[in-house]
Protein backbone atom coordinates (compact mmCIF):
# COMPACT_ATOMS: atom_id res chain seq x y z
CA UNK A 1 -13.67 14.80 -13.59
CA UNK A 2 -16.73 12.62 -13.58
CA UNK A 3 -19.99 13.65 -11.93
CA UNK A 4 -21.88 11.32 -9.61
CA UNK A 5 -25.42 11.17 -11.06
CA UNK A 6 -26.96 10.39 -7.67
CA UNK A 7 -25.51 13.34 -5.77
CA UNK A 8 -24.27 15.70 -8.47
CA UNK A 9 -20.84 15.86 -6.82
CA UNK A 10 -17.58 15.54 -8.69
CA UNK A 11 -15.74 12.22 -8.39
CA UNK A 12 -12.03 12.62 -7.77
CA UNK A 13 -9.70 10.25 -9.67
CA UNK A 14 -7.03 10.35 -6.94
CA UNK A 15 -8.45 7.62 -4.68
CA UNK A 16 -8.56 5.26 -7.64
CA UNK A 17 -4.93 6.03 -8.50
CA UNK A 18 -3.92 5.46 -4.89
CA UNK A 19 -5.81 2.18 -4.69
CA UNK A 20 -4.22 0.92 -7.92
CA UNK A 21 -0.77 1.75 -6.54
CA UNK A 22 -1.54 0.08 -3.22
CA UNK A 23 -3.02 -3.06 -4.76
CA UNK A 24 -0.13 -3.36 -7.22
CA UNK A 25 2.33 -3.33 -4.31
CA UNK A 26 0.60 -6.39 -2.81
CA UNK A 27 2.61 -8.66 -5.11
CA UNK A 28 5.83 -7.50 -3.45
CA UNK A 29 4.44 -8.08 0.02
CA UNK A 30 3.08 -11.52 -0.87
CA UNK A 31 6.33 -12.60 -2.56
CA UNK A 32 8.46 -11.47 0.37
CA UNK A 33 8.64 -15.06 1.55
CA UNK A 34 11.46 -15.50 -0.94
CA UNK A 35 13.54 -12.92 0.94
CA UNK A 36 12.25 -12.80 4.50
CA UNK A 37 11.30 -15.30 7.23
CA UNK A 38 7.65 -16.20 7.77
CA UNK A 39 7.18 -13.91 10.78
CA UNK A 40 8.44 -10.95 8.75
CA UNK A 41 6.10 -11.76 5.87
CA UNK A 42 3.18 -11.81 8.32
CA UNK A 43 4.24 -8.41 9.70
CA UNK A 44 4.63 -6.99 6.19
CA UNK A 45 1.21 -8.29 5.14
CA UNK A 46 -0.36 -6.81 8.26
CA UNK A 47 1.20 -3.41 7.50
CA UNK A 48 -0.13 -3.67 3.95
CA UNK A 49 -3.58 -4.49 5.30
CA UNK A 50 -3.45 -1.44 7.58
CA UNK A 51 -2.50 0.71 4.58
CA UNK A 52 -5.43 -0.74 2.59
CA UNK A 53 -7.89 0.11 5.38
CA UNK A 54 -6.37 3.59 5.65
CA UNK A 55 -6.79 4.04 1.90
CA UNK A 56 -10.52 3.39 2.21
CA UNK A 57 -10.80 5.63 5.27
CA UNK A 58 -9.18 8.47 3.33
CA UNK A 59 -11.18 7.73 0.15
CA UNK A 60 -13.56 10.70 0.44
CA UNK A 61 -11.99 12.75 3.21
CA UNK A 62 -8.45 13.03 1.80
CA UNK A 63 -8.36 11.62 -1.75
CA UNK A 64 -4.86 12.87 -2.63
CA UNK A 65 -3.37 11.21 0.45
CA UNK A 66 -4.27 7.83 -1.03
CA UNK A 67 -1.74 8.42 -3.82
CA UNK A 68 0.97 9.22 -1.27
CA UNK A 69 -0.02 6.09 0.64
CA UNK A 70 0.24 3.99 -2.53
CA UNK A 71 3.75 5.29 -3.20
CA UNK A 72 4.64 4.83 0.47
CA UNK A 73 3.62 1.16 0.25
CA UNK A 74 6.42 0.53 -2.25
CA UNK A 75 8.95 2.55 -0.26
CA UNK A 76 8.02 0.83 3.02
CA UNK A 77 8.41 -2.63 1.47
CA UNK A 78 11.84 -1.74 0.09
CA UNK A 79 13.01 -0.22 3.39
CA UNK A 80 11.73 -3.18 5.44
CA UNK A 81 13.27 -5.84 3.21
CA UNK A 82 16.56 -3.97 2.82
CA UNK A 83 16.82 -3.31 6.56
CA UNK A 84 16.04 -6.96 7.25
CA UNK A 85 18.78 -8.03 4.88
CA UNK A 86 21.33 -5.67 6.40
CA UNK A 87 20.51 -5.86 10.11
CA UNK A 88 18.84 -9.26 10.47
CA UNK A 89 20.84 -11.14 7.82
CA UNK A 90 17.87 -12.21 5.71
CA UNK A 91 19.07 -14.02 2.60
CA UNK A 92 17.26 -15.24 -0.47
């Protein structure tokens, strides 16, 4: 682990891993317009934005939760798009 020279505290790598996972899932959310109607894309992007804010809120307080959140962002996208295809008849 790295040490913050200003405070002398250890810097956890977990928030960075979580943020990378979360930011990499943005492509799926942004490209959802190919599979989902516009209103659903807006809802998906808003949920992604909430997850991004939550990632920064948990940055210092709960660094390992950011990794779970990053993984959850992929799972949530898949569940939302699959459920929309099955129950709401979204087609590509």
